[in-house]
Amino acid sequence: QWQYKNVESGNDMDMFRAWDIATGGLSPSGDTIVVCVIDDGVNANHEDLQGNIWLNHEEIPGNGIDDDQNGYIDDHKGWNVKSENDDVYSGGNHGTPVVGIVGAKGNNAIGVSGVNWNVKVMMVNYGESSEANALSAYAYAYKMRKRYNESKGKNGAYIVATNASWGIDKTKAEQAPLWCALYDSLGRIGILNCGATANANVDVDEEGDLPTSCESEYLISVTNLNKSDVKVNASGYGRKSI
């Protein structure tokens, strides 16, 4: 995994320096760290992800009751925006490797290491790329972190970040004002957000891209670099946005 330690060129994340301090799991205050991945589902039985998949332990699965009174019925595994239930373990062709990058078990001689070895990854299935679905997906993370804050850790989830490796190509921020404004709302309650830009060699400052052209101090918009620290051709760029 050259992105952590690149012996050829040194272009890497220097993750070993971070792992010498901590490998995820708990905050200094003892909060269980959660990252919300908004994607197409996850293979929760993957041998390198077991134990790192978030569950809503306040919710009794399958009883048709909103046990924790968060506005979602039976959201034990997370939330599926389209089917309006917690069916997030189906699909996952794209979401599973994304979850692995965030939180595959580290140093266990299986598969790969995630950035966080012991983090809990919350899965929200966004269904399809639209502003309405984006609002619904992020709303789940927002409500769960807000509940955590207001209850001083007794309810909800300590979500510190979200990730969206999807979006709408060639669409400008002003065409989705509610979507873009949501990142400020998420940031104000303690959630940092990451968005991946287009899988095409386009200047998103000129062409537009959602969500990566949204202007928010709480959104980090990223592209794709190779091990020589050169942008991959089939990836977006933008001096202002990326």
Protein backbone atom coordinates (compact mmCIF):
# COMPACT_ATOMS: atom_id res chain seq x y z
CA GLN A 1 0.00 0.00 0.00
CA TRP A 2 2.33 2.68 -1.33
CA GLN A 3 -0.02 5.47 -0.26
CA TYR A 4 1.07 4.82 3.34
CA LYS A 5 4.78 4.25 2.74
CA ASN A 6 6.22 4.91 -0.71
CA VAL A 7 9.79 3.61 -0.67
CA GLU A 8 10.36 4.63 -4.30
CA SER A 9 9.63 8.34 -4.15
CA GLY A 10 8.48 9.23 -0.64
CA ASN A 11 5.16 10.52 -1.98
CA ASP A 12 2.90 9.08 0.69
CA MET A 13 0.74 9.86 3.71
CA ASP A 14 3.43 9.03 6.32
CA MET A 15 0.78 6.98 8.08
CA PHE A 16 3.29 5.12 10.22
CA ARG A 17 3.95 8.35 12.12
CA ALA A 18 0.24 8.60 12.90
CA TRP A 19 -0.08 4.91 13.77
CA ASP A 20 2.75 5.31 16.29
CA ILE A 21 0.35 7.61 18.17
CA ALA A 22 -3.02 5.91 17.56
CA THR A 23 -4.70 3.48 15.18
CA GLY A 24 -8.29 4.66 15.52
CA GLY A 25 -11.09 3.37 17.67
CA LEU A 26 -11.50 5.84 20.50
CA SER A 27 -11.07 9.58 20.83
CA PRO A 28 -8.91 10.93 23.68
CA SER A 29 -12.17 11.41 25.60
CA GLY A 30 -13.24 7.80 25.09
CA ASP A 31 -15.80 8.37 22.34
CA THR A 32 -16.22 5.55 19.82
CA ILE A 33 -15.10 7.14 16.54
CA VAL A 34 -17.51 6.71 13.62
CA VAL A 35 -17.02 7.55 9.93
CA CYS A 36 -20.14 7.63 7.75
CA VAL A 37 -19.53 6.27 4.25
CA ILE A 38 -22.29 7.23 1.84
CA ASP A 39 -22.13 4.71 -1.00
CA ASP A 40 -23.87 1.71 -2.62
CA GLY A 41 -23.69 -0.64 0.37
CA VAL A 42 -21.05 -2.79 2.01
CA ASN A 43 -20.14 -6.46 2.38
CA ALA A 44 -20.32 -6.59 6.17
CA ASN A 45 -19.07 -10.18 6.16
CA HIS A 46 -15.75 -9.26 4.53
CA GLU A 47 -13.00 -10.82 6.65
CA ASP A 48 -11.04 -7.57 6.82
CA LEU A 49 -14.04 -5.44 7.82
CA GLN A 50 -15.66 -7.60 10.49
CA GLY A 51 -15.78 -5.78 13.77
CA ASN A 52 -15.40 -2.38 12.16
CA ILE A 53 -18.94 -2.05 10.79
CA TRP A 54 -21.13 0.29 12.84
CA LEU A 55 -24.42 -0.90 14.30
CA ASN A 56 -27.13 1.14 15.98
CA HIS A 57 -27.39 -0.74 19.25
CA GLU A 58 -30.27 1.46 20.38
CA GLU A 59 -32.47 -0.01 17.65
CA ILE A 60 -34.04 -3.49 17.85
CA PRO A 61 -33.86 -4.88 14.30
CA GLY A 62 -37.03 -5.87 12.48
CA ASN A 63 -39.65 -4.98 15.08
CA GLY A 64 -41.21 -2.15 13.07
CA ILE A 65 -40.65 0.36 15.88
CA ASP A 66 -38.46 3.44 16.05
CA ASP A 67 -36.88 2.28 19.32
CA ASP A 68 -34.42 5.14 19.71
CA GLN A 69 -36.92 7.75 18.44
CA ASN A 70 -34.51 9.23 15.93
CA GLY A 71 -37.10 9.35 13.14
CA TYR A 72 -35.96 6.10 11.44
CA ILE A 73 -37.65 2.74 11.92
CA ASP A 74 -35.37 -0.32 12.31
CA ASP A 75 -32.17 1.53 11.34
CA HIS A 76 -30.01 -1.08 13.05
CA LYS A 77 -27.41 -1.43 10.27
CA GLY A 78 -27.56 2.13 8.95
CA TRP A 79 -29.93 3.64 6.42
CA ASN A 80 -30.95 3.04 2.80
CA VAL A 81 -32.38 6.25 1.35
CA LYS A 82 -34.21 4.60 -1.53
CA SER A 83 -35.84 1.67 0.28
CA GLU A 84 -36.22 3.61 3.55
CA ASN A 85 -34.87 0.80 5.70
CA ASP A 86 -31.49 -0.49 6.85
CA ASP A 87 -30.79 -2.62 3.76
CA VAL A 88 -27.16 -1.56 3.41
CA TYR A 89 -25.48 -4.98 3.26
CA SER A 90 -26.63 -5.72 -0.30
CA GLY A 91 -24.69 -4.31 -3.25
CA GLY A 92 -21.42 -2.81 -2.11
CA ASN A 93 -19.33 -3.39 -5.22
CA HIS A 94 -18.09 0.18 -4.87
CA GLY A 95 -18.81 0.82 -1.21
CA THR A 96 -16.90 -2.17 0.14
CA PRO A 97 -13.45 -1.08 -1.12
CA VAL A 98 -14.20 2.49 -0.02
CA VAL A 99 -14.99 1.23 3.48
CA GLY A 100 -11.76 -0.78 3.33
CA ILE A 101 -9.74 2.35 2.63
CA VAL A 102 -11.35 4.04 5.63
CA GLY A 103 -11.39 1.19 8.09
CA ALA A 104 -10.07 -2.23 7.12
CA LYS A 105 -8.57 -3.97 10.15
CA GLY A 106 -4.87 -3.16 10.34
CA ASN A 107 -1.86 -5.30 11.23
CA ASN A 108 -3.86 -8.54 11.18
CA ALA A 109 -2.12 -10.30 8.23
CA ILE A 110 -5.40 -10.20 6.26
CA GLY A 111 -6.03 -8.14 3.13
CA VAL A 112 -5.10 -4.48 3.56
CA SER A 113 -4.93 -1.85 6.28
CA GLY A 114 -7.38 1.00 6.44
CA VAL A 115 -6.38 4.48 7.51
CA ASN A 116 -8.11 3.67 10.81
CA TRP A 117 -7.57 0.14 12.09
CA ASN A 118 -10.37 0.07 14.66
CA VAL A 119 -12.88 2.71 13.54
CA LYS A 120 -16.62 2.05 13.24
CA VAL A 121 -17.89 2.68 9.71
CA MET A 122 -21.55 3.66 9.34
CA MET A 123 -23.03 2.81 5.95
CA VAL A 124 -25.69 4.96 4.29
CA ASN A 125 -26.85 3.86 0.83
CA TYR A 126 -27.70 6.99 -1.17
CA GLY A 127 -29.51 5.12 -3.97
CA GLU A 128 -28.73 7.42 -6.89
CA SER A 129 -27.03 10.76 -7.49
CA SER A 130 -29.51 13.57 -6.89
CA GLU A 131 -29.73 16.54 -4.56
CA ALA A 132 -32.77 15.05 -2.83
CA ASN A 133 -30.97 11.77 -2.13
CA ALA A 134 -27.84 13.60 -1.00
CA LEU A 135 -29.91 15.61 1.49
CA SER A 136 -31.56 12.44 2.82
CA ALA A 137 -28.24 10.60 3.12
CA TYR A 138 -26.40 13.37 4.93
CA ALA A 139 -29.45 14.04 7.11
CA TYR A 140 -29.04 10.63 8.74
CA ALA A 141 -25.44 11.38 9.72
CA TYR A 142 -26.43 14.87 10.87
CA LYS A 143 -29.23 13.65 13.11
CA MET A 144 -27.15 10.89 14.68
CA ARG A 145 -24.24 13.22 15.54
CA LYS A 146 -26.60 15.93 16.78
CA ARG A 147 -28.26 13.38 19.09
CA TYR A 148 -24.82 12.40 20.37
CA ASN A 149 -23.92 16.01 21.12
CA GLU A 150 -27.20 16.86 22.81
CA SER A 151 -27.25 13.70 24.94
CA LYS A 152 -23.56 14.06 25.89
CA GLY A 153 -22.78 10.71 24.30
CA LYS A 154 -25.72 8.66 25.57
CA ASN A 155 -27.53 8.48 22.19
CA GLY A 156 -26.69 8.72 18.52
CA ALA A 157 -23.16 8.32 17.16
CA TYR A 158 -19.87 10.21 17.39
CA ILE A 159 -19.53 10.73 13.63
CA VAL A 160 -16.39 12.71 12.88
CA ALA A 161 -16.39 12.48 9.08
CA THR A 162 -18.42 11.51 6.02
CA ASN A 163 -17.18 10.32 2.64
CA ALA A 164 -18.88 10.57 -0.76
CA SER A 165 -17.01 8.94 -3.63
CA TRP A 166 -19.86 9.82 -6.00
CA GLY A 167 -21.66 12.88 -7.28
CA ILE A 168 -22.99 14.61 -10.38
CA ASP A 169 -20.58 15.54 -13.16
CA LYS A 170 -20.70 18.93 -14.89
CA THR A 171 -23.11 20.44 -12.39
CA LYS A 172 -22.25 23.65 -10.57
CA ALA A 173 -22.69 24.41 -6.90
CA GLU A 174 -25.29 27.10 -7.52
CA GLN A 175 -27.54 24.44 -9.04
CA ALA A 176 -27.69 22.57 -5.71
CA PRO A 177 -27.71 25.24 -2.98
CA LEU A 178 -29.27 23.05 -0.29
CA TRP A 179 -26.77 20.24 -0.86
CA CYS A 180 -23.84 22.63 -0.59
CA ALA A 181 -25.25 24.44 2.45
CA LEU A 182 -25.57 21.14 4.28
CA TYR A 183 -21.78 20.85 4.66
CA ASP A 184 -21.72 23.97 6.82
CA SER A 185 -24.49 22.49 8.97
CA LEU A 186 -22.56 19.23 9.33
CA GLY A 187 -19.37 21.10 10.15
CA ARG A 188 -20.99 23.13 12.88
CA ILE A 189 -21.87 19.99 14.83
CA GLY A 190 -18.43 18.43 14.40
CA ILE A 191 -18.45 16.52 11.11
CA LEU A 192 -15.76 16.99 8.45
CA ASN A 193 -16.70 15.84 4.93
CA CYS A 194 -14.77 14.43 1.99
CA GLY A 195 -15.90 14.38 -1.64
CA ALA A 196 -14.16 12.74 -4.60
CA THR A 197 -14.23 14.63 -7.87
CA ALA A 198 -15.04 13.44 -11.40
CA ASN A 199 -13.45 10.37 -12.98
CA ALA A 200 -12.55 12.46 -16.02
CA ASN A 201 -9.79 14.90 -16.98
CA VAL A 202 -11.91 18.02 -16.55
CA ASP A 203 -11.45 21.37 -14.83
CA VAL A 204 -14.33 21.29 -12.38
CA ASP A 205 -13.91 25.02 -11.67
CA GLU A 206 -15.09 25.57 -15.24
CA GLU A 207 -17.27 22.51 -15.92
CA GLY A 208 -18.76 22.08 -12.46
CA ASP A 209 -19.00 18.99 -10.27
CA LEU A 210 -21.05 18.02 -7.27
CA PRO A 211 -20.29 17.94 -4.47
CA THR A 212 -16.66 18.94 -4.96
CA SER A 213 -17.39 22.44 -6.25
CA CYS A 214 -19.43 23.28 -3.14
CA GLU A 215 -17.79 26.07 -1.14
CA SER A 216 -17.60 25.03 2.50
CA GLU A 217 -14.81 25.07 5.05
CA TYR A 218 -16.07 21.64 6.14
CA LEU A 219 -15.73 19.92 2.74
CA ILE A 220 -12.43 18.53 1.48
CA SER A 221 -12.58 17.86 -2.27
CA VAL A 222 -10.01 15.40 -3.58
CA THR A 223 -8.73 13.92 -6.83
CA ASN A 224 -6.56 10.90 -7.69
CA LEU A 225 -2.75 10.86 -7.68
CA ASN A 226 -0.39 8.04 -8.66
CA LYS A 227 2.67 6.88 -6.73
CA SER A 228 4.81 9.47 -8.53
CA ASP A 229 2.57 12.23 -7.13
CA VAL A 230 1.13 12.97 -10.58
CA LYS A 231 -2.58 13.37 -11.17
CA VAL A 232 -4.17 10.34 -12.82
CA ASN A 233 -5.40 11.36 -16.26
CA ALA A 234 -8.98 10.15 -15.72
CA SER A 235 -9.55 12.41 -12.71
CA GLY A 236 -10.82 15.93 -12.24
CA TYR A 237 -8.88 19.01 -11.19
CA GLY A 238 -9.52 22.63 -10.28
CA ARG A 239 -7.24 25.26 -8.78
CA LYS A 240 -10.08 26.60 -6.65
CA SER A 241 -12.17 23.52 -5.91
CA ILE A 242 -9.77 20.57 -5.65
